[in-house]
Amino acid sequence: MPLNVAVPLSVLVSITIAGIVVIQDWDKIHLKSAGGLIGFTLIGIPIGLLLLVKTDERIVKAALGLVVSLFSLYLLTGNSLKN
């Protein structure tokens, strides 16, 4: 699937899911922690867009595949994410 289709589609799905979760769990959100995440998100979005526009599609797909593969191997070794 080309990146110019996959990226907007995944963003749309992510925003929809995040919106549903926020509506369901509004009372459990720690606004102080969320503020930091939102700040770094606002910094990361332009950088990510720049990389998507300026970097060859094959490199982006290879990097994404490598990250997903390494994370999968990490989880398969019995490790887990800490809360």
N, C-alpha and C. Protein backbone atom coordinates (compact mmCIF):
# COMPACT_ATOMS: atom_id res chain seq x y z
N MET A 1 0.86 -1.17 0.00
CA MET A 1 0.00 0.00 0.00
C MET A 1 0.90 1.24 0.00
N PRO A 2 0.66 2.18 -0.85
CA PRO A 2 1.50 3.38 -0.90
C PRO A 2 1.36 4.22 0.37
N LEU A 3 2.44 4.88 0.72
CA LEU A 3 2.43 5.70 1.94
C LEU A 3 1.41 6.82 1.88
N ASN A 4 1.18 7.38 0.70
CA ASN A 4 0.23 8.49 0.62
C ASN A 4 -1.20 8.04 0.87
N VAL A 5 -1.46 6.74 0.92
CA VAL A 5 -2.76 6.20 1.31
C VAL A 5 -2.70 5.67 2.74
N ALA A 6 -1.63 4.96 3.07
CA ALA A 6 -1.53 4.31 4.38
C ALA A 6 -1.45 5.30 5.53
N VAL A 7 -0.68 6.36 5.36
CA VAL A 7 -0.48 7.31 6.46
C VAL A 7 -1.78 8.04 6.81
N PRO A 8 -2.48 8.66 5.86
CA PRO A 8 -3.74 9.31 6.24
C PRO A 8 -4.77 8.34 6.80
N LEU A 9 -4.82 7.13 6.26
CA LEU A 9 -5.77 6.14 6.75
C LEU A 9 -5.46 5.75 8.19
N SER A 10 -4.19 5.50 8.50
CA SER A 10 -3.83 5.13 9.87
C SER A 10 -4.04 6.29 10.83
N VAL A 11 -3.80 7.51 10.39
CA VAL A 11 -4.04 8.68 11.25
C VAL A 11 -5.54 8.82 11.53
N LEU A 12 -6.36 8.64 10.52
CA LEU A 12 -7.80 8.74 10.70
C LEU A 12 -8.30 7.68 11.69
N VAL A 13 -7.84 6.46 11.55
CA VAL A 13 -8.24 5.39 12.46
C VAL A 13 -7.74 5.69 13.88
N SER A 14 -6.50 6.14 14.01
CA SER A 14 -5.94 6.46 15.33
C SER A 14 -6.70 7.58 16.02
N ILE A 15 -7.02 8.63 15.29
CA ILE A 15 -7.76 9.75 15.87
C ILE A 15 -9.15 9.31 16.30
N THR A 16 -9.80 8.49 15.50
CA THR A 16 -11.14 8.00 15.85
C THR A 16 -11.09 7.17 17.13
N ILE A 17 -10.14 6.24 17.21
CA ILE A 17 -10.02 5.40 18.40
C ILE A 17 -9.66 6.23 19.62
N ALA A 18 -8.72 7.16 19.47
CA ALA A 18 -8.33 8.02 20.59
C ALA A 18 -9.50 8.86 21.07
N GLY A 19 -10.30 9.37 20.14
CA GLY A 19 -11.47 10.15 20.52
C GLY A 19 -12.46 9.34 21.33
N ILE A 20 -12.69 8.10 20.91
CA ILE A 20 -13.61 7.22 21.63
C ILE A 20 -13.07 6.93 23.03
N VAL A 21 -11.79 6.65 23.14
CA VAL A 21 -11.19 6.37 24.45
C VAL A 21 -11.27 7.59 25.36
N VAL A 22 -11.01 8.77 24.82
CA VAL A 22 -11.08 9.99 25.63
C VAL A 22 -12.50 10.20 26.14
N ILE A 23 -13.48 10.00 25.28
CA ILE A 23 -14.88 10.18 25.70
C ILE A 23 -15.24 9.17 26.80
N GLN A 24 -14.80 7.93 26.66
CA GLN A 24 -15.14 6.90 27.64
C GLN A 24 -14.42 7.09 28.97
N ASP A 25 -13.17 7.54 28.93
CA ASP A 25 -12.34 7.60 30.14
C ASP A 25 -11.94 9.02 30.52
N TRP A 26 -12.76 9.99 30.23
CA TRP A 26 -12.43 11.39 30.48
C TRP A 26 -12.02 11.63 31.93
N ASP A 27 -12.70 11.00 32.88
CA ASP A 27 -12.42 11.23 34.30
C ASP A 27 -11.10 10.61 34.76
N LYS A 28 -10.50 9.76 33.97
CA LYS A 28 -9.25 9.09 34.34
C LYS A 28 -8.01 9.75 33.72
N ILE A 29 -8.19 10.80 32.95
CA ILE A 29 -7.07 11.45 32.28
C ILE A 29 -6.33 12.36 33.25
N HIS A 30 -5.02 12.21 33.32
CA HIS A 30 -4.17 13.09 34.12
C HIS A 30 -3.72 14.24 33.22
N LEU A 31 -4.35 15.38 33.41
CA LEU A 31 -4.12 16.50 32.50
C LEU A 31 -2.66 16.96 32.50
N LYS A 32 -1.98 16.89 33.65
CA LYS A 32 -0.58 17.31 33.70
C LYS A 32 0.30 16.41 32.82
N SER A 33 0.09 15.11 32.91
CA SER A 33 0.85 14.17 32.08
C SER A 33 0.47 14.32 30.61
N ALA A 34 -0.81 14.50 30.35
CA ALA A 34 -1.28 14.64 28.97
C ALA A 34 -0.69 15.90 28.33
N GLY A 35 -0.51 16.95 29.10
CA GLY A 35 0.06 18.19 28.56
C GLY A 35 1.45 17.97 27.98
N GLY A 36 2.28 17.21 28.69
CA GLY A 36 3.62 16.91 28.18
C GLY A 36 3.58 16.09 26.91
N LEU A 37 2.70 15.10 26.87
CA LEU A 37 2.57 14.29 25.67
C LEU A 37 2.08 15.11 24.48
N ILE A 38 1.13 16.00 24.73
CA ILE A 38 0.62 16.85 23.65
C ILE A 38 1.72 17.77 23.14
N GLY A 39 2.52 18.31 24.05
CA GLY A 39 3.62 19.20 23.65
C GLY A 39 4.61 18.50 22.73
N PHE A 40 5.04 17.30 23.12
CA PHE A 40 6.00 16.57 22.29
C PHE A 40 5.36 16.09 20.99
N THR A 41 4.05 15.82 21.02
CA THR A 41 3.35 15.45 19.80
C THR A 41 3.36 16.60 18.80
N LEU A 42 3.14 17.81 19.30
CA LEU A 42 3.14 18.98 18.42
C LEU A 42 4.52 19.23 17.82
N ILE A 43 5.56 18.81 18.49
CA ILE A 43 6.92 18.91 17.94
C ILE A 43 7.16 17.78 16.92
N GLY A 44 6.68 16.57 17.25
CA GLY A 44 6.96 15.41 16.41
C GLY A 44 6.18 15.36 15.11
N ILE A 45 4.99 15.93 15.09
CA ILE A 45 4.17 15.87 13.87
C ILE A 45 4.85 16.56 12.69
N PRO A 46 5.33 17.80 12.85
CA PRO A 46 6.00 18.42 11.70
C PRO A 46 7.26 17.67 11.26
N ILE A 47 7.99 17.13 12.22
CA ILE A 47 9.21 16.38 11.88
C ILE A 47 8.82 15.12 11.09
N GLY A 48 7.78 14.41 11.54
CA GLY A 48 7.33 13.21 10.84
C GLY A 48 6.82 13.52 9.44
N LEU A 49 6.07 14.61 9.32
CA LEU A 49 5.58 15.00 8.00
C LEU A 49 6.73 15.34 7.06
N LEU A 50 7.72 16.04 7.58
CA LEU A 50 8.89 16.39 6.77
C LEU A 50 9.61 15.13 6.30
N LEU A 51 9.79 14.16 7.20
CA LEU A 51 10.45 12.91 6.81
C LEU A 51 9.63 12.15 5.77
N LEU A 52 8.31 12.14 5.93
CA LEU A 52 7.47 11.43 4.94
C LEU A 52 7.54 12.08 3.56
N VAL A 53 7.61 13.40 3.54
CA VAL A 53 7.62 14.11 2.26
C VAL A 53 9.00 14.06 1.60
N LYS A 54 10.05 14.16 2.39
CA LYS A 54 11.40 14.29 1.84
C LYS A 54 12.17 12.97 1.71
N THR A 55 11.70 11.91 2.36
CA THR A 55 12.43 10.65 2.36
C THR A 55 11.81 9.68 1.36
N ASP A 56 12.65 8.88 0.73
CA ASP A 56 12.19 7.87 -0.22
C ASP A 56 11.25 6.89 0.47
N GLU A 57 10.16 6.55 -0.20
CA GLU A 57 9.13 5.67 0.36
C GLU A 57 9.70 4.32 0.79
N ARG A 58 10.64 3.80 0.03
CA ARG A 58 11.23 2.50 0.37
C ARG A 58 11.98 2.55 1.70
N ILE A 59 12.65 3.67 1.96
CA ILE A 59 13.39 3.82 3.22
C ILE A 59 12.41 3.89 4.40
N VAL A 60 11.32 4.64 4.22
CA VAL A 60 10.32 4.76 5.29
C VAL A 60 9.70 3.40 5.58
N LYS A 61 9.34 2.66 4.55
CA LYS A 61 8.75 1.33 4.73
C LYS A 61 9.75 0.38 5.40
N ALA A 62 11.00 0.44 4.99
CA ALA A 62 12.02 -0.43 5.59
C ALA A 62 12.23 -0.10 7.06
N ALA A 63 12.27 1.19 7.38
CA ALA A 63 12.45 1.60 8.78
C ALA A 63 11.26 1.16 9.62
N LEU A 64 10.06 1.34 9.11
CA LEU A 64 8.86 0.91 9.84
C LEU A 64 8.85 -0.60 10.02
N GLY A 65 9.20 -1.34 8.99
CA GLY A 65 9.27 -2.79 9.10
C GLY A 65 10.30 -3.23 10.12
N LEU A 66 11.44 -2.54 10.17
CA LEU A 66 12.48 -2.87 11.14
C LEU A 66 12.00 -2.61 12.56
N VAL A 67 11.36 -1.49 12.79
CA VAL A 67 10.86 -1.16 14.13
C VAL A 67 9.82 -2.18 14.58
N VAL A 68 8.87 -2.52 13.70
CA VAL A 68 7.84 -3.50 14.05
C VAL A 68 8.47 -4.86 14.31
N SER A 69 9.42 -5.28 13.50
CA SER A 69 10.08 -6.58 13.69
C SER A 69 10.86 -6.63 14.99
N LEU A 70 11.62 -5.58 15.28
CA LEU A 70 12.40 -5.56 16.52
C LEU A 70 11.48 -5.56 17.75
N PHE A 71 10.40 -4.81 17.70
CA PHE A 71 9.47 -4.79 18.83
C PHE A 71 8.80 -6.14 18.99
N SER A 72 8.47 -6.80 17.88
CA SER A 72 7.86 -8.13 17.95
C SER A 72 8.83 -9.13 18.58
N LEU A 73 10.09 -9.08 18.17
CA LEU A 73 11.10 -9.96 18.77
C LEU A 73 11.26 -9.69 20.26
N TYR A 74 11.23 -8.42 20.63
CA TYR A 74 11.33 -8.03 22.04
C TYR A 74 10.20 -8.67 22.84
N LEU A 75 8.97 -8.61 22.33
CA LEU A 75 7.83 -9.19 23.04
C LEU A 75 7.88 -10.72 23.02
N LEU A 76 8.37 -11.31 21.93
CA LEU A 76 8.45 -12.77 21.84
C LEU A 76 9.47 -13.35 22.82
N THR A 77 10.44 -12.57 23.25
CA THR A 77 11.43 -13.06 24.22
C THR A 77 10.90 -13.09 25.63
N GLY A 78 9.64 -12.70 25.81
CA GLY A 78 9.03 -12.76 27.14
C GLY A 78 9.03 -11.43 27.86
N ASN A 79 9.60 -10.42 27.27
CA ASN A 79 9.58 -9.09 27.87
C ASN A 79 8.19 -8.48 27.72
N SER A 80 7.89 -7.53 28.56
CA SER A 80 6.61 -6.83 28.43
C SER A 80 6.83 -5.36 28.72
N LEU A 81 5.86 -4.57 28.34
CA LEU A 81 5.92 -3.15 28.63
C LEU A 81 5.50 -2.92 30.08
N LYS A 82 6.23 -2.11 30.78
CA LYS A 82 5.91 -1.80 32.17
C LYS A 82 4.90 -0.67 32.22
N ASN A 83 3.99 -0.74 33.16
CA ASN A 83 3.00 0.35 33.34
C ASN A 83 3.58 1.46 34.16
